[in-house]
Structures are given as structure tokens and as C-alpha cells.
PDB file of N, CA and C in Angstrom:
ATOM      1  N   UNK A   1       0.851  -1.179   0.000  1.00  0.00           N
ATOM      2  CA  UNK A   1       0.000   0.000   0.000  1.00  0.00           C
ATOM      3  C   UNK A   1       0.892   1.236   0.000  1.00  0.00           C
ATOM      4  N   UNK A   2       0.604   2.113  -0.923  1.00  0.00           N
ATOM      5  CA  UNK A   2       1.406   3.330  -1.074  1.00  0.00           C
ATOM      6  C   UNK A   2       0.767   4.476  -0.302  1.00  0.00           C
ATOM      7  N   UNK A   3       1.620   5.299   0.292  1.00  0.00           N
ATOM      8  CA  UNK A   3       1.158   6.479   1.011  1.00  0.00           C
ATOM      9  C   UNK A   3       1.597   7.715   0.236  1.00  0.00           C
ATOM     10  N   UNK A   4       0.707   8.710   0.154  1.00  0.00           N
ATOM     11  CA  UNK A   4       1.003   9.943  -0.564  1.00  0.00           C
ATOM     12  C   UNK A   4       0.834  11.128   0.377  1.00  0.00           C
ATOM     13  N   UNK A   5       1.374  12.256  -0.039  1.00  0.00           N
ATOM     14  CA  UNK A   5       1.309  13.469   0.776  1.00  0.00           C
ATOM     15  C   UNK A   5       0.065  14.296   0.439  1.00  0.00           C
ATOM     16  N   UNK A   6      -0.186  15.269   1.268  1.00  0.00           N
ATOM     17  CA  UNK A   6      -1.267  16.224   1.007  1.00  0.00           C
ATOM     18  C   UNK A   6      -1.011  16.955  -0.306  1.00  0.00           C
ATOM     19  N   UNK A   7       0.238  17.301  -0.565  1.00  0.00           N
ATOM     20  CA  UNK A   7       0.579  17.974  -1.829  1.00  0.00           C
ATOM     21  C   UNK A   7       0.272  17.073  -3.026  1.00  0.00           C
ATOM     22  N   UNK A   8       0.546  15.774  -2.890  1.00  0.00           N
ATOM     23  CA  UNK A   8       0.226  14.824  -3.963  1.00  0.00           C
ATOM     24  C   UNK A   8      -1.280  14.804  -4.219  1.00  0.00           C
ATOM     25  N   UNK A   9      -2.062  14.764  -3.134  1.00  0.00           N
ATOM     26  CA  UNK A   9      -3.517  14.755  -3.281  1.00  0.00           C
ATOM     27  C   UNK A   9      -4.008  16.043  -3.924  1.00  0.00           C
ATOM     28  N   UNK A  10      -3.496  17.173  -3.485  1.00  0.00           N
ATOM     29  CA  UNK A  10      -3.917  18.459  -4.051  1.00  0.00           C
ATOM     30  C   UNK A  10      -3.644  18.497  -5.553  1.00  0.00           C
ATOM     31  N   UNK A  11      -2.483  18.010  -5.973  1.00  0.00           N
ATOM     32  CA  UNK A  11      -2.146  17.990  -7.401  1.00  0.00           C
ATOM     33  C   UNK A  11      -3.058  17.028  -8.156  1.00  0.00           C
ATOM     34  N   UNK A  12      -3.334  15.879  -7.580  1.00  0.00           N
ATOM     35  CA  UNK A  12      -4.187  14.874  -8.234  1.00  0.00           C
ATOM     36  C   UNK A  12      -5.627  15.363  -8.385  1.00  0.00           C
ATOM     37  N   UNK A  13      -6.099  16.135  -7.420  1.00  0.00           N
ATOM     38  CA  UNK A  13      -7.463  16.662  -7.497  1.00  0.00           C
ATOM     39  C   UNK A  13      -7.642  17.599  -8.689  1.00  0.00           C
ATOM     40  N   UNK A  14      -6.568  18.245  -9.123  1.00  0.00           N
ATOM     41  CA  UNK A  14      -6.643  19.146 -10.272  1.00  0.00           C
ATOM     42  C   UNK A  14      -6.998  18.396 -11.553  1.00  0.00           C
ATOM     43  N   UNK A  15      -6.742  17.095 -11.561  1.00  0.00           N
ATOM     44  CA  UNK A  15      -7.066  16.288 -12.731  1.00  0.00           C
ATOM     45  C   UNK A  15      -8.217  15.324 -12.459  1.00  0.00           C
ATOM     46  N   UNK A  16      -8.986  15.612 -11.405  1.00  0.00           N
ATOM     47  CA  UNK A  16     -10.194  14.827 -11.139  1.00  0.00           C
ATOM     48  C   UNK A  16     -10.015  13.556 -10.348  1.00  0.00           C
ATOM     49  N   UNK A  17      -8.998  13.481  -9.518  1.00  0.00           N
ATOM     50  CA  UNK A  17      -8.755  12.278  -8.718  1.00  0.00           C
ATOM     51  C   UNK A  17      -9.964  11.900  -7.873  1.00  0.00           C
ATOM     52  N   UNK A  18     -10.155  10.599  -7.692  1.00  0.00           N
ATOM     53  CA  UNK A  18     -11.216  10.073  -6.836  1.00  0.00           C
ATOM     54  C   UNK A  18     -10.702  10.040  -5.403  1.00  0.00           C
ATOM     55  N   UNK A  19     -11.477  10.624  -4.490  1.00  0.00           N
ATOM     56  CA  UNK A  19     -11.119  10.642  -3.070  1.00  0.00           C
ATOM     57  C   UNK A  19     -12.219   9.922  -2.300  1.00  0.00           C
ATOM     58  N   UNK A  20     -11.826   8.966  -1.467  1.00  0.00           N
ATOM     59  CA  UNK A  20     -12.771   8.258  -0.605  1.00  0.00           C
ATOM     60  C   UNK A  20     -12.423   8.590   0.837  1.00  0.00           C
ATOM     61  N   UNK A  21     -13.388   9.149   1.552  1.00  0.00           N
ATOM     62  CA  UNK A  21     -13.231   9.516   2.959  1.00  0.00           C
ATOM     63  C   UNK A  21     -13.826   8.402   3.805  1.00  0.00           C
ATOM     64  N   UNK A  22     -12.989   7.747   4.619  1.00  0.00           N
ATOM     65  CA  UNK A  22     -13.437   6.587   5.387  1.00  0.00           C
ATOM     66  C   UNK A  22     -13.754   6.910   6.849  1.00  0.00           C
ATOM     67  N   UNK A  23     -13.894   8.187   7.165  1.00  0.00           N
ATOM     68  CA  UNK A  23     -14.232   8.567   8.545  1.00  0.00           C
ATOM     69  C   UNK A  23     -15.716   8.332   8.818  1.00  0.00           C
ATOM     70  N   UNK A  24     -16.081   8.454  10.061  1.00  0.00           N
ATOM     71  CA  UNK A  24     -17.482   8.330  10.448  1.00  0.00           C
ATOM     72  C   UNK A  24     -18.261   9.555   9.970  1.00  0.00           C
ATOM     73  N   UNK A  25     -19.570   9.429   9.911  1.00  0.00           N
ATOM     74  CA  UNK A  25     -20.419  10.481   9.353  1.00  0.00           C
ATOM     75  C   UNK A  25     -20.239  11.817  10.050  1.00  0.00           C
ATOM     76  N   UNK A  26     -20.188  11.836  11.382  1.00  0.00           N
ATOM     77  CA  UNK A  26     -20.054  13.122  12.075  1.00  0.00           C
ATOM     78  C   UNK A  26     -18.748  13.818  11.729  1.00  0.00           C
ATOM     79  N   UNK A  27     -17.687  13.063  11.526  1.00  0.00           N
ATOM     80  CA  UNK A  27     -16.406  13.645  11.136  1.00  0.00           C
ATOM     81  C   UNK A  27     -16.485  14.211   9.715  1.00  0.00           C
ATOM     82  N   UNK A  28     -17.094  13.449   8.826  1.00  0.00           N
ATOM     83  CA  UNK A  28     -17.238  13.862   7.424  1.00  0.00           C
ATOM     84  C   UNK A  28     -18.073  15.135   7.315  1.00  0.00           C
ATOM     85  N   UNK A  29     -19.169  15.202   8.060  1.00  0.00           N
ATOM     86  CA  UNK A  29     -20.056  16.362   8.029  1.00  0.00           C
ATOM     87  C   UNK A  29     -19.326  17.619   8.513  1.00  0.00           C
ATOM     88  N   UNK A  30     -18.471  17.464   9.496  1.00  0.00           N
ATOM     89  CA  UNK A  30     -17.748  18.612  10.058  1.00  0.00           C
ATOM     90  C   UNK A  30     -16.872  19.289   9.003  1.00  0.00           C
ATOM     91  N   UNK A  31     -16.132  18.517   8.226  1.00  0.00           N
ATOM     92  CA  UNK A  31     -15.280  19.073   7.158  1.00  0.00           C
ATOM     93  C   UNK A  31     -14.668  17.925   6.370  1.00  0.00           C
ATOM     94  N   UNK A  32     -14.706  18.042   5.039  1.00  0.00           N
ATOM     95  CA  UNK A  32     -14.108  17.021   4.185  1.00  0.00           C
ATOM     96  C   UNK A  32     -13.569  17.633   2.900  1.00  0.00           C
ATOM     97  N   UNK A  33     -12.715  16.884   2.230  1.00  0.00           N
ATOM     98  CA  UNK A  33     -12.178  17.300   0.944  1.00  0.00           C
ATOM     99  C   UNK A  33     -13.360  17.427  -0.022  1.00  0.00           C
ATOM    100  N   UNK A  34     -13.497  18.553  -0.706  1.00  0.00           N
ATOM    101  CA  UNK A  34     -14.625  18.718  -1.632  1.00  0.00           C
ATOM    102  C   UNK A  34     -14.700  17.575  -2.652  1.00  0.00           C
ATOM    103  N   UNK A  35     -15.901  17.044  -2.785  1.00  0.00           N
ATOM    104  CA  UNK A  35     -16.134  15.975  -3.756  1.00  0.00           C
ATOM    105  C   UNK A  35     -15.789  14.584  -3.281  1.00  0.00           C
ATOM    106  N   UNK A  36     -15.298  14.455  -2.053  1.00  0.00           N
ATOM    107  CA  UNK A  36     -14.923  13.130  -1.542  1.00  0.00           C
ATOM    108  C   UNK A  36     -16.156  12.236  -1.419  1.00  0.00           C
ATOM    109  N   UNK A  37     -15.982  10.983  -1.783  1.00  0.00           N
ATOM    110  CA  UNK A  37     -17.020   9.965  -1.596  1.00  0.00           C
ATOM    111  C   UNK A  37     -16.930   9.511  -0.148  1.00  0.00           C
ATOM    112  N   UNK A  38     -18.052   9.536   0.557  1.00  0.00           N
ATOM    113  CA  UNK A  38     -18.036   9.150   1.965  1.00  0.00           C
ATOM    114  C   UNK A  38     -18.479   7.705   2.125  1.00  0.00           C
ATOM    115  N   UNK A  39     -17.556   6.869   2.598  1.00  0.00           N
ATOM    116  CA  UNK A  39     -17.871   5.479   2.934  1.00  0.00           C
ATOM    117  C   UNK A  39     -17.109   5.153   4.220  1.00  0.00           C
ATOM    118  N   UNK A  40     -17.808   5.091   5.357  1.00  0.00           N
ATOM    119  CA  UNK A  40     -17.116   4.762   6.611  1.00  0.00           C
ATOM    120  C   UNK A  40     -16.325   3.451   6.475  1.00  0.00           C
ATOM    121  N   UNK A  41     -15.166   3.401   7.108  1.00  0.00           N
ATOM    122  CA  UNK A  41     -14.265   2.262   6.975  1.00  0.00           C
ATOM    123  C   UNK A  41     -14.963   0.923   7.200  1.00  0.00           C
ATOM    124  N   UNK A  42     -15.799   0.824   8.227  1.00  0.00           N
ATOM    125  CA  UNK A  42     -16.478  -0.435   8.526  1.00  0.00           C
ATOM    126  C   UNK A  42     -17.429  -0.894   7.429  1.00  0.00           C
ATOM    127  N   UNK A  43     -17.888   0.031   6.592  1.00  0.00           N
ATOM    128  CA  UNK A  43     -18.815  -0.302   5.508  1.00  0.00           C
ATOM    129  C   UNK A  43     -18.115  -0.486   4.166  1.00  0.00           C
ATOM    130  N   UNK A  44     -16.855  -0.121   4.089  1.00  0.00           N
ATOM    131  CA  UNK A  44     -16.138  -0.142   2.814  1.00  0.00           C
ATOM    132  C   UNK A  44     -16.169  -1.497   2.108  1.00  0.00           C
ATOM    133  N   UNK A  45     -15.938  -2.616   2.809  1.00  0.00           N
ATOM    134  CA  UNK A  45     -15.966  -3.904   2.102  1.00  0.00           C
ATOM    135  C   UNK A  45     -17.324  -4.216   1.464  1.00  0.00           C
ATOM    136  N   UNK A  46     -18.390  -3.616   2.004  1.00  0.00           N
ATOM    137  CA  UNK A  46     -19.744  -3.878   1.517  1.00  0.00           C
ATOM    138  C   UNK A  46     -20.201  -2.869   0.470  1.00  0.00           C
ATOM    139  N   UNK A  47     -19.416  -1.817   0.255  1.00  0.00           N
ATOM    140  CA  UNK A  47     -19.821  -0.756  -0.671  1.00  0.00           C
ATOM    141  C   UNK A  47     -18.774  -0.496  -1.754  1.00  0.00           C
ATOM    142  N   UNK A  48     -18.025  -1.522  -2.100  1.00  0.00           N
ATOM    143  CA  UNK A  48     -16.974  -1.385  -3.107  1.00  0.00           C
ATOM    144  C   UNK A  48     -17.511  -0.918  -4.451  1.00  0.00           C
ATOM    145  N   UNK A  49     -18.760  -1.240  -4.741  1.00  0.00           N
ATOM    146  CA  UNK A  49     -19.350  -0.843  -6.028  1.00  0.00           C
ATOM    147  C   UNK A  49     -19.506   0.673  -6.143  1.00  0.00           C
ATOM    148  N   UNK A  50     -19.386   1.394  -5.045  1.00  0.00           N
ATOM    149  CA  UNK A  50     -19.485   2.857  -5.067  1.00  0.00           C
ATOM    150  C   UNK A  50     -18.144   3.533  -5.367  1.00  0.00           C
ATOM    151  N   UNK A  51     -17.095   2.736  -5.420  1.00  0.00           N
ATOM    152  CA  UNK A  51     -15.756   3.260  -5.678  1.00  0.00           C
ATOM    153  C   UNK A  51     -15.417   3.008  -7.144  1.00  0.00           C
ATOM    154  N   UNK A  52     -15.179   4.067  -7.918  1.00  0.00           N
ATOM    155  CA  UNK A  52     -14.852   3.878  -9.333  1.00  0.00           C
ATOM    156  C   UNK A  52     -13.643   2.959  -9.512  1.00  0.00           C
ATOM    157  N   UNK A  53     -13.728   2.098 -10.511  1.00  0.00           N
ATOM    158  CA  UNK A  53     -12.666   1.146 -10.805  1.00  0.00           C
ATOM    159  C   UNK A  53     -11.826   1.659 -11.977  1.00  0.00           C
ATOM    160  N   UNK A  54     -10.587   1.237 -12.038  1.00  0.00           N
ATOM    161  CA  UNK A  54      -9.754   1.561 -13.175  1.00  0.00           C
ATOM    162  C   UNK A  54      -8.922   2.821 -13.035  1.00  0.00           C
ATOM    163  N   UNK A  55      -9.007   3.497 -11.918  1.00  0.00           N
ATOM    164  CA  UNK A  55      -8.192   4.686 -11.690  1.00  0.00           C
ATOM    165  C   UNK A  55      -7.754   4.701 -10.229  1.00  0.00           C
ATOM    166  N   UNK A  56      -6.649   5.363  -9.930  1.00  0.00           N
ATOM    167  CA  UNK A  56      -6.193   5.422  -8.537  1.00  0.00           C
ATOM    168  C   UNK A  56      -7.243   6.082  -7.634  1.00  0.00           C
ATOM    169  N   UNK A  57      -7.348   5.568  -6.437  1.00  0.00           N
ATOM    170  CA  UNK A  57      -8.277   6.094  -5.444  1.00  0.00           C
ATOM    171  C   UNK A  57      -7.452   6.593  -4.260  1.00  0.00           C
ATOM    172  N   UNK A  58      -7.691   7.846  -3.877  1.00  0.00           N
ATOM    173  CA  UNK A  58      -7.008   8.442  -2.737  1.00  0.00           C
ATOM    174  C   UNK A  58      -7.902   8.267  -1.518  1.00  0.00           C
ATOM    175  N   UNK A  59      -7.422   7.523  -0.528  1.00  0.00           N
ATOM    176  CA  UNK A  59      -8.201   7.219   0.668  1.00  0.00           C
ATOM    177  C   UNK A  59      -7.736   8.138   1.790  1.00  0.00           C
ATOM    178  N   UNK A  60      -8.706   8.812   2.417  1.00  0.00           N
ATOM    179  CA  UNK A  60      -8.372   9.786   3.458  1.00  0.00           C
ATOM    180  C   UNK A  60      -9.235   9.549   4.697  1.00  0.00           C
ATOM    181  N   UNK A  61      -8.643   9.853   5.851  1.00  0.00           N
ATOM    182  CA  UNK A  61      -9.375   9.783   7.119  1.00  0.00           C
ATOM    183  C   UNK A  61      -9.028  11.050   7.898  1.00  0.00           C
ATOM    184  N   UNK A  62      -8.951  10.964   9.211  1.00  0.00           N
ATOM    185  CA  UNK A  62      -8.613  12.143  10.004  1.00  0.00           C
ATOM    186  C   UNK A  62      -7.105  12.404  10.017  1.00  0.00           C
ATOM    187  N   UNK A  63      -6.325  11.348  10.316  1.00  0.00           N
ATOM    188  CA  UNK A  63      -4.881  11.548  10.476  1.00  0.00           C
ATOM    189  C   UNK A  63      -4.018  10.625   9.627  1.00  0.00           C
ATOM    190  N   UNK A  64      -4.606   9.637   8.992  1.00  0.00           N
ATOM    191  CA  UNK A  64      -3.846   8.748   8.129  1.00  0.00           C
ATOM    192  C   UNK A  64      -3.791   7.303   8.565  1.00  0.00           C
ATOM    193  N   UNK A  65      -4.396   6.961   9.688  1.00  0.00           N
ATOM    194  CA  UNK A  65      -4.369   5.574  10.160  1.00  0.00           C
ATOM    195  C   UNK A  65      -5.477   4.753   9.498  1.00  0.00           C
ATOM    196  N   UNK A  66      -6.710   5.199   9.616  1.00  0.00           N
ATOM    197  CA  UNK A  66      -7.822   4.458   9.006  1.00  0.00           C
ATOM    198  C   UNK A  66      -7.699   4.402   7.494  1.00  0.00           C
ATOM    199  N   UNK A  67      -7.115   5.435   6.902  1.00  0.00           N
ATOM    200  CA  UNK A  67      -6.960   5.441   5.443  1.00  0.00           C
ATOM    201  C   UNK A  67      -6.027   4.318   4.991  1.00  0.00           C
ATOM    202  N   UNK A  68      -5.057   3.952   5.812  1.00  0.00           N
ATOM    203  CA  UNK A  68      -4.180   2.832   5.470  1.00  0.00           C
ATOM    204  C   UNK A  68      -4.976   1.538   5.399  1.00  0.00           C
ATOM    205  N   UNK A  69      -5.857   1.336   6.365  1.00  0.00           N
ATOM    206  CA  UNK A  69      -6.700   0.140   6.351  1.00  0.00           C
ATOM    207  C   UNK A  69      -7.662   0.179   5.159  1.00  0.00           C
ATOM    208  N   UNK A  70      -8.228   1.347   4.893  1.00  0.00           N
ATOM    209  CA  UNK A  70      -9.133   1.483   3.754  1.00  0.00           C
ATOM    210  C   UNK A  70      -8.432   1.195   2.443  1.00  0.00           C
ATOM    211  N   UNK A  71      -7.221   1.681   2.294  1.00  0.00           N
ATOM    212  CA  UNK A  71      -6.447   1.421   1.078  1.00  0.00           C
ATOM    213  C   UNK A  71      -6.144  -0.070   0.945  1.00  0.00           C
ATOM    214  N   UNK A  72      -5.900  -0.740   2.065  1.00  0.00           N
ATOM    215  CA  UNK A  72      -5.659  -2.184   2.035  1.00  0.00           C
ATOM    216  C   UNK A  72      -6.907  -2.938   1.586  1.00  0.00           C
ATOM    217  N   UNK A  73      -8.078  -2.509   2.055  1.00  0.00           N
ATOM    218  CA  UNK A  73      -9.337  -3.139   1.648  1.00  0.00           C
ATOM    219  C   UNK A  73      -9.524  -2.989   0.142  1.00  0.00           C
ATOM    220  N   UNK A  74      -9.302  -1.789  -0.356  1.00  0.00           N
ATOM    221  CA  UNK A  74      -9.459  -1.545  -1.789  1.00  0.00           C
ATOM    222  C   UNK A  74      -8.420  -2.305  -2.604  1.00  0.00           C
ATOM    223  N   UNK A  75      -7.185  -2.349  -2.130  1.00  0.00           N
ATOM    224  CA  UNK A  75      -6.133  -3.085  -2.835  1.00  0.00           C
ATOM    225  C   UNK A  75      -6.461  -4.571  -2.902  1.00  0.00           C
ATOM    226  N   UNK A  76      -7.005  -5.114  -1.811  1.00  0.00           N
ATOM    227  CA  UNK A  76      -7.389  -6.526  -1.794  1.00  0.00           C
ATOM    228  C   UNK A  76      -8.502  -6.814  -2.790  1.00  0.00           C
ATOM    229  N   UNK A  77      -9.280  -5.781  -3.126  1.00  0.00           N
ATOM    230  CA  UNK A  77     -10.365  -5.922  -4.104  1.00  0.00           C
ATOM    231  C   UNK A  77      -9.867  -5.615  -5.523  1.00  0.00           C
ATOM    232  N   UNK A  78      -8.551  -5.441  -5.677  1.00  0.00           N
ATOM    233  CA  UNK A  78      -7.974  -5.230  -6.992  1.00  0.00           C
ATOM    234  C   UNK A  78      -7.900  -3.783  -7.443  1.00  0.00           C
ATOM    235  N   UNK A  79      -8.122  -2.853  -6.532  1.00  0.00           N
ATOM    236  CA  UNK A  79      -8.081  -1.430  -6.885  1.00  0.00           C
ATOM    237  C   UNK A  79      -6.704  -0.853  -6.595  1.00  0.00           C
ATOM    238  N   UNK A  80      -6.357   0.213  -7.299  1.00  0.00           N
ATOM    239  CA  UNK A  80      -5.153   0.970  -6.989  1.00  0.00           C
ATOM    240  C   UNK A  80      -5.551   2.010  -5.953  1.00  0.00           C
ATOM    241  N   UNK A  81      -5.078   1.832  -4.727  1.00  0.00           N
ATOM    242  CA  UNK A  81      -5.487   2.694  -3.621  1.00  0.00           C
ATOM    243  C   UNK A  81      -4.268   3.307  -2.959  1.00  0.00           C
ATOM    244  N   UNK A  82      -4.379   4.594  -2.666  1.00  0.00           N
ATOM    245  CA  UNK A  82      -3.294   5.351  -2.062  1.00  0.00           C
ATOM    246  C   UNK A  82      -3.801   5.966  -0.759  1.00  0.00           C
ATOM    247  N   UNK A  83      -3.077   5.769   0.320  1.00  0.00           N
ATOM    248  CA  UNK A  83      -3.450   6.347   1.608  1.00  0.00           C
ATOM    249  C   UNK A  83      -2.849   7.741   1.718  1.00  0.00           C
ATOM    250  N   UNK A  84      -3.655   8.699   2.151  1.00  0.00           N
ATOM    251  CA  UNK A  84      -3.199  10.091   2.272  1.00  0.00           C
ATOM    252  C   UNK A  84      -2.634  10.313   3.680  1.00  0.00           C
ATOM    253  N   UNK A  85      -1.321  10.506   3.747  1.00  0.00           N
ATOM    254  CA  UNK A  85      -0.641  10.740   5.026  1.00  0.00           C
ATOM    255  C   UNK A  85      -1.121  12.046   5.643  1.00  0.00           C
ATOM    256  N   UNK A  86      -1.386  12.010   6.936  1.00  0.00           N
ATOM    257  CA  UNK A  86      -1.810  13.217   7.644  1.00  0.00           C
ATOM    258  C   UNK A  86      -3.299  13.457   7.607  1.00  0.00           C
ATOM    259  N   UNK A  87      -3.988  12.859   6.631  1.00  0.00           N
ATOM    260  CA  UNK A  87      -5.434  12.914   6.551  1.00  0.00           C
ATOM    261  C   UNK A  87      -6.044  14.302   6.419  1.00  0.00           C
ATOM    262  N   UNK A  88      -7.314  14.370   6.727  1.00  0.00           N
ATOM    263  CA  UNK A  88      -8.066  15.620   6.620  1.00  0.00           C
ATOM    264  C   UNK A  88      -7.498  16.688   7.542  1.00  0.00           C
ATOM    265  N   UNK A  89      -6.968  16.272   8.669  1.00  0.00           N
ATOM    266  CA  UNK A  89      -6.343  17.224   9.591  1.00  0.00           C
ATOM    267  C   UNK A  89      -5.213  17.981   8.891  1.00  0.00           C
ATOM    268  N   UNK A  90      -4.350  17.263   8.192  1.00  0.00           N
ATOM    269  CA  UNK A  90      -3.243  17.905   7.473  1.00  0.00           C
ATOM    270  C   UNK A  90      -3.757  18.707   6.281  1.00  0.00           C
ATOM    271  N   UNK A  91      -4.820  18.217   5.638  1.00  0.00           N
ATOM    272  CA  UNK A  91      -5.432  18.941   4.511  1.00  0.00           C
ATOM    273  C   UNK A  91      -5.897  20.325   4.979  1.00  0.00           C
ATOM    274  N   UNK A  92      -6.580  20.359   6.112  1.00  0.00           N
ATOM    275  CA  UNK A  92      -7.071  21.624   6.669  1.00  0.00           C
ATOM    276  C   UNK A  92      -5.893  22.503   7.111  1.00  0.00           C
ATOM    277  N   UNK A  93      -4.926  21.902   7.760  1.00  0.00           N
ATOM    278  CA  UNK A  93      -3.751  22.641   8.240  1.00  0.00           C
ATOM    279  C   UNK A  93      -3.007  23.303   7.078  1.00  0.00           C
ATOM    280  N   UNK A  94      -3.010  22.663   5.914  1.00  0.00           N
ATOM    281  CA  UNK A  94      -2.349  23.214   4.726  1.00  0.00           C
ATOM    282  C   UNK A  94      -3.226  24.255   4.017  1.00  0.00           C
ATOM    283  N   UNK A  95      -4.383  24.531   4.613  1.00  0.00           N
ATOM    284  CA  UNK A  95      -5.315  25.551   4.117  1.00  0.00           C
ATOM    285  C   UNK A  95      -5.926  25.240   2.750  1.00  0.00           C
ATOM    286  N   UNK A  96      -6.139  23.946   2.491  1.00  0.00           N
ATOM    287  CA  UNK A  96      -6.846  23.546   1.290  1.00  0.00           C
ATOM    288  C   UNK A  96      -8.347  23.694   1.546  1.00  0.00           C
ATOM    289  N   UNK A  97      -9.147  23.811   0.495  1.00  0.00           N
ATOM    290  CA  UNK A  97     -10.588  24.007   0.685  1.00  0.00           C
ATOM    291  C   UNK A  97     -11.265  22.772   1.282  1.00  0.00           C
ATOM    292  N   UNK A  98     -12.326  23.021   2.035  1.00  0.00           N
ATOM    293  CA  UNK A  98     -13.132  21.942   2.605  1.00  0.00           C
ATOM    294  C   UNK A  98     -14.607  22.223   2.349  1.00  0.00           C
ATOM    295  N   UNK A  99     -15.377  21.160   2.410  1.00  0.00           N
ATOM    296  CA  UNK A  99     -16.835  21.264   2.383  1.00  0.00           C
ATOM    297  C   UNK A  99     -17.335  20.797   3.741  1.00  0.00           C
ATOM    298  N   UNK A 100     -18.515  21.239   4.095  1.00  0.00           N
ATOM    299  CA  UNK A 100     -19.163  20.777   5.318  1.00  0.00           C
ATOM    300  C   UNK A 100     -20.514  20.199   4.940  1.00  0.00           C
ATOM    301  N   UNK A 101     -21.078  19.442   5.855  1.00  0.00           N
ATOM    302  CA  UNK A 101     -22.383  18.847   5.599  1.00  0.00           C
ATOM    303  C   UNK A 101     -22.271  17.589   4.766  1.00  0.00           C
ATOM    304  N   UNK A 102     -23.425  17.048   4.446  1.00  0.00           N
ATOM    305  CA  UNK A 102     -23.507  15.825   3.677  1.00  0.00           C
ATOM    306  C   UNK A 102     -24.006  16.171   2.274  1.00  0.00           C
ATOM    307  N   UNK A 103     -23.276  15.695   1.271  1.00  0.00           N
ATOM    308  CA  UNK A 103     -23.700  15.939  -0.101  1.00  0.00           C
ATOM    309  C   UNK A 103     -24.917  15.082  -0.424  1.00  0.00           C
ATOM    310  N   UNK A 104     -25.840  15.651  -1.138  1.00  0.00           N
ATOM    311  CA  UNK A 104     -27.038  14.907  -1.560  1.00  0.00           C
ATOM    312  C   UNK A 104     -26.927  14.624  -3.048  1.00  0.00           C
ATOM    313  N   UNK A 105     -27.208  13.389  -3.417  1.00  0.00           N
ATOM    314  CA  UNK A 105     -27.083  13.024  -4.822  1.00  0.00           C
ATOM    315  C   UNK A 105     -28.404  12.808  -5.489  1.00  0.00           C
TER     316      UNK A 105
END
């Protein structure tokens, strides 16, 4: 499982990178990377069909621990998954944009 930096994620988002946020709902609602797909870590194995296939997936959590497990789950399912070191906390600290609330589709 490969780990990437916040700068790597920011650059990848410019070209439409897929971001999966594996935190719990209350954490996601508080602040998340804009456009991130929200799938709590415990539900990820059951919701793999919601994760686009065929392109790298950037997995993010609060600090980078749960994202490692999430990336492992996706890798075991044959996906290219990258864990974002530092997580949403580092994303916010680097002053990147965030969204709040739950996106409705």
C-alpha cells in the first residue's frame, strides 16, 4: 500500500482524482475534501461498487491511520489505492478548501 502526501492529493485533485473519505459520518459532516465519496471504513468492504474502478483512489481519514486500512481493503479488491498521510487534519492545516455537511445526490 502506497502512502502519498497532502501535496500529492492536491495535485491529483486538479485532474479529477477520486477521493474516498473513510471517517465516520459526524467527522465527514464537520469538514471534508470537496467531492470526496463518503464510505465509513467499517462499511467499505460492503460498498466497493461505489468506488470507481480503473483509476487510482485516494483514501483519506482524520490523520492517516484508518486510510491505510481502507487502502488495504481496496487493494485486496484489486483497486489501486493510495493512503493520504496526515489525513483531513493535514489537509485543513495546509489551508486547502473543505466542504461541510452531507452531499445529496
